[in-house]
Amino acid sequence: MDSVPASLGDDAASLPVIEPSTLADDALIIDVRDAADWRAGHAPGAVNVPISQLAARLDEVVAIAREAGMPVAVSCGGGTKQGRATAYLLANGVDAQVMRGGMRGWKSAGRPVVTES
């Protein structure tokens, strides 16, 4: 598959969700926003895999998740990309959860944000 189908994640209510406030400091977060948005502010330790690259980088994400040994929290800006990405990862055997509210939820929970120059 060359890309993540737009229809994935349409039934977001059926996807597992985790609250940003309950994530451990060392949680594995995959941020599916584009690189510019990621550089402007992301969770510490988050891995940027833009949704446009997720299918092509699936093996990398699977390896990162396997090494971490914990569920993947998937984040975007707070829209629909994280649901699509979570559904795609789940369909491909990755234990993934939607991070409620994405980065907006993360910031609202008072969690730290890192910027890249």
C-alpha atoms as a PDB file:
ATOM      1  CA  MET A   1       0.000   0.000   0.000  1.00  0.00           C
ATOM      2  CA  ASP A   2       1.420   3.379  -1.025  1.00  0.00           C
ATOM      3  CA  SER A   3      -0.568   5.574   1.339  1.00  0.00           C
ATOM      4  CA  VAL A   4      -2.941   5.545   4.280  1.00  0.00           C
ATOM      5  CA  PRO A   5      -6.516   5.411   2.917  1.00  0.00           C
ATOM      6  CA  ALA A   6      -8.544   8.529   3.729  1.00  0.00           C
ATOM      7  CA  SER A   7     -11.471   6.378   4.878  1.00  0.00           C
ATOM      8  CA  LEU A   8      -9.486   4.722   7.680  1.00  0.00           C
ATOM      9  CA  GLY A   9     -10.403   6.061  11.076  1.00  0.00           C
ATOM     10  CA  ASP A  10     -13.856   7.221   9.947  1.00  0.00           C
ATOM     11  CA  ASP A  11     -15.296   5.268  12.879  1.00  0.00           C
ATOM     12  CA  ALA A  12     -13.058   7.027  15.384  1.00  0.00           C
ATOM     13  CA  ALA A  13     -15.331   6.054  18.271  1.00  0.00           C
ATOM     14  CA  SER A  14     -14.140   2.460  17.924  1.00  0.00           C
ATOM     15  CA  LEU A  15     -10.455   3.355  18.227  1.00  0.00           C
ATOM     16  CA  PRO A  16      -8.577   3.076  21.538  1.00  0.00           C
ATOM     17  CA  VAL A  17      -7.916   6.485  23.082  1.00  0.00           C
ATOM     18  CA  ILE A  18      -5.453   7.679  25.697  1.00  0.00           C
ATOM     19  CA  GLU A  19      -5.560  10.973  27.549  1.00  0.00           C
ATOM     20  CA  PRO A  20      -2.424  13.126  27.243  1.00  0.00           C
ATOM     21  CA  SER A  21      -2.458  13.684  30.998  1.00  0.00           C
ATOM     22  CA  THR A  22      -2.096   9.943  31.657  1.00  0.00           C
ATOM     23  CA  LEU A  23       0.809   9.272  29.305  1.00  0.00           C
ATOM     24  CA  ALA A  24       4.104   8.406  30.967  1.00  0.00           C
ATOM     25  CA  ASP A  25       6.977  10.810  30.401  1.00  0.00           C
ATOM     26  CA  ASP A  26       8.748   8.121  28.363  1.00  0.00           C
ATOM     27  CA  ALA A  27       5.672   7.188  26.290  1.00  0.00           C
ATOM     28  CA  LEU A  28       6.189   6.432  22.620  1.00  0.00           C
ATOM     29  CA  ILE A  29       4.412   9.137  20.627  1.00  0.00           C
ATOM     30  CA  ILE A  30       4.245   9.055  16.846  1.00  0.00           C
ATOM     31  CA  ASP A  31       3.401  12.537  15.577  1.00  0.00           C
ATOM     32  CA  VAL A  32       1.860  12.334  12.099  1.00  0.00           C
ATOM     33  CA  ARG A  33       1.889  16.070  11.331  1.00  0.00           C
ATOM     34  CA  ASP A  34       4.115  17.458   8.609  1.00  0.00           C
ATOM     35  CA  ALA A  35       7.705  18.281   9.520  1.00  0.00           C
ATOM     36  CA  ALA A  36       7.141  22.056   9.749  1.00  0.00           C
ATOM     37  CA  ASP A  37       4.309  21.675  12.269  1.00  0.00           C
ATOM     38  CA  TRP A  38       6.352  19.131  14.220  1.00  0.00           C
ATOM     39  CA  ARG A  39       9.360  21.491  14.412  1.00  0.00           C
ATOM     40  CA  ALA A  40       7.072  24.297  15.655  1.00  0.00           C
ATOM     41  CA  GLY A  41       6.213  22.254  18.743  1.00  0.00           C
ATOM     42  CA  HIS A  42       5.940  18.599  19.718  1.00  0.00           C
ATOM     43  CA  ALA A  43       5.992  16.320  22.733  1.00  0.00           C
ATOM     44  CA  PRO A  44       9.501  15.549  24.035  1.00  0.00           C
ATOM     45  CA  GLY A  45      10.764  12.311  22.520  1.00  0.00           C
ATOM     46  CA  ALA A  46       8.007  12.170  19.896  1.00  0.00           C
ATOM     47  CA  VAL A  47       8.928  10.605  16.565  1.00  0.00           C
ATOM     48  CA  ASN A  48       7.794  12.515  13.484  1.00  0.00           C
ATOM     49  CA  VAL A  49       6.344  10.289  10.775  1.00  0.00           C
ATOM     50  CA  PRO A  50       4.100  12.478   8.595  1.00  0.00           C
ATOM     51  CA  ILE A  51       0.947  10.631   7.601  1.00  0.00           C
ATOM     52  CA  SER A  52       1.990  11.019   3.963  1.00  0.00           C
ATOM     53  CA  GLN A  53       5.032   8.840   4.783  1.00  0.00           C
ATOM     54  CA  LEU A  54       3.438   6.389   7.223  1.00  0.00           C
ATOM     55  CA  ALA A  55       2.819   3.571   4.751  1.00  0.00           C
ATOM     56  CA  ALA A  56       6.348   3.844   3.342  1.00  0.00           C
ATOM     57  CA  ARG A  57       7.859   3.954   6.843  1.00  0.00           C
ATOM     58  CA  LEU A  58       5.653   1.264   8.394  1.00  0.00           C
ATOM     59  CA  ASP A  59       8.567  -1.133   8.981  1.00  0.00           C
ATOM     60  CA  GLU A  60      10.422   1.633  10.846  1.00  0.00           C
ATOM     61  CA  VAL A  61       7.398   2.376  13.042  1.00  0.00           C
ATOM     62  CA  VAL A  62       6.868  -1.333  13.755  1.00  0.00           C
ATOM     63  CA  ALA A  63      10.532  -1.650  14.795  1.00  0.00           C
ATOM     64  CA  ILE A  64      10.341   1.432  17.045  1.00  0.00           C
ATOM     65  CA  ALA A  65       7.159   0.138  18.683  1.00  0.00           C
ATOM     66  CA  ARG A  66       8.602  -3.328  19.167  1.00  0.00           C
ATOM     67  CA  GLU A  67      11.778  -1.904  20.731  1.00  0.00           C
ATOM     68  CA  ALA A  68       9.793   0.375  23.053  1.00  0.00           C
ATOM     69  CA  GLY A  69       7.619  -2.511  24.215  1.00  0.00           C
ATOM     70  CA  MET A  70       4.641  -0.264  24.871  1.00  0.00           C
ATOM     71  CA  PRO A  71       1.585   0.971  22.981  1.00  0.00           C
ATOM     72  CA  VAL A  72       2.100   3.796  20.517  1.00  0.00           C
ATOM     73  CA  ALA A  73       0.235   7.048  21.181  1.00  0.00           C
ATOM     74  CA  VAL A  74      -0.569   8.688  17.846  1.00  0.00           C
ATOM     75  CA  SER A  75      -0.795  12.462  17.659  1.00  0.00           C
ATOM     76  CA  CYS A  76      -1.549  15.143  15.096  1.00  0.00           C
ATOM     77  CA  GLY A  77      -2.683  18.713  15.528  1.00  0.00           C
ATOM     78  CA  GLY A  78      -5.982  17.527  16.952  1.00  0.00           C
ATOM     79  CA  GLY A  79      -7.851  16.664  13.767  1.00  0.00           C
ATOM     80  CA  THR A  80      -8.500  13.451  11.861  1.00  0.00           C
ATOM     81  CA  LYS A  81      -4.980  12.387  10.864  1.00  0.00           C
ATOM     82  CA  GLN A  82      -4.290  10.664  14.168  1.00  0.00           C
ATOM     83  CA  GLY A  83      -7.436   8.538  13.824  1.00  0.00           C
ATOM     84  CA  ARG A  84      -6.492   7.485  10.302  1.00  0.00           C
ATOM     85  CA  ALA A  85      -2.926   6.727  11.368  1.00  0.00           C
ATOM     86  CA  THR A  86      -4.047   4.783  14.455  1.00  0.00           C
ATOM     87  CA  ALA A  87      -6.469   2.680  12.394  1.00  0.00           C
ATOM     88  CA  TYR A  88      -3.707   1.996   9.860  1.00  0.00           C
ATOM     89  CA  LEU A  89      -1.205   0.981  12.533  1.00  0.00           C
ATOM     90  CA  LEU A  90      -3.746  -1.261  14.277  1.00  0.00           C
ATOM     91  CA  ALA A  91      -4.577  -2.914  10.936  1.00  0.00           C
ATOM     92  CA  ASN A  92      -0.859  -3.606  10.526  1.00  0.00           C
ATOM     93  CA  GLY A  93      -0.335  -5.185  13.932  1.00  0.00           C
ATOM     94  CA  VAL A  94       0.914  -2.182  15.920  1.00  0.00           C
ATOM     95  CA  ASP A  95      -0.621  -1.613  19.374  1.00  0.00           C
ATOM     96  CA  ALA A  96      -1.664   2.005  18.831  1.00  0.00           C
ATOM     97  CA  GLN A  97      -3.942   4.508  20.553  1.00  0.00           C
ATOM     98  CA  VAL A  98      -5.266   7.929  19.575  1.00  0.00           C
ATOM     99  CA  MET A  99      -3.881  10.639  21.849  1.00  0.00           C
ATOM    100  CA  ARG A 100      -7.071  12.560  22.631  1.00  0.00           C
ATOM    101  CA  GLY A 101      -6.893  16.092  21.258  1.00  0.00           C
ATOM    102  CA  GLY A 102      -3.507  15.594  19.613  1.00  0.00           C
ATOM    103  CA  MET A 103      -1.019  18.352  20.345  1.00  0.00           C
ATOM    104  CA  ARG A 104      -3.824  20.715  21.363  1.00  0.00           C
ATOM    105  CA  GLY A 105      -4.827  18.176  24.017  1.00  0.00           C
ATOM    106  CA  TRP A 106      -1.187  17.709  25.019  1.00  0.00           C
ATOM    107  CA  LYS A 107      -0.719  21.458  25.536  1.00  0.00           C
ATOM    108  CA  SER A 108      -4.075  21.804  27.332  1.00  0.00           C
ATOM    109  CA  ALA A 109      -2.959  19.089  29.760  1.00  0.00           C
ATOM    110  CA  GLY A 110       0.051  21.254  30.635  1.00  0.00           C
ATOM    111  CA  ARG A 111       2.526  18.804  29.130  1.00  0.00           C
ATOM    112  CA  PRO A 112       5.932  20.108  27.950  1.00  0.00           C
ATOM    113  CA  VAL A 113       6.503  21.122  24.336  1.00  0.00           C
ATOM    114  CA  VAL A 114       9.804  21.063  22.466  1.00  0.00           C
ATOM    115  CA  THR A 115      10.598  23.133  19.378  1.00  0.00           C
ATOM    116  CA  GLU A 116      13.202  22.431  16.719  1.00  0.00           C
ATOM    117  CA  SER A 117      15.142  25.100  14.851  1.00  0.00           C
END
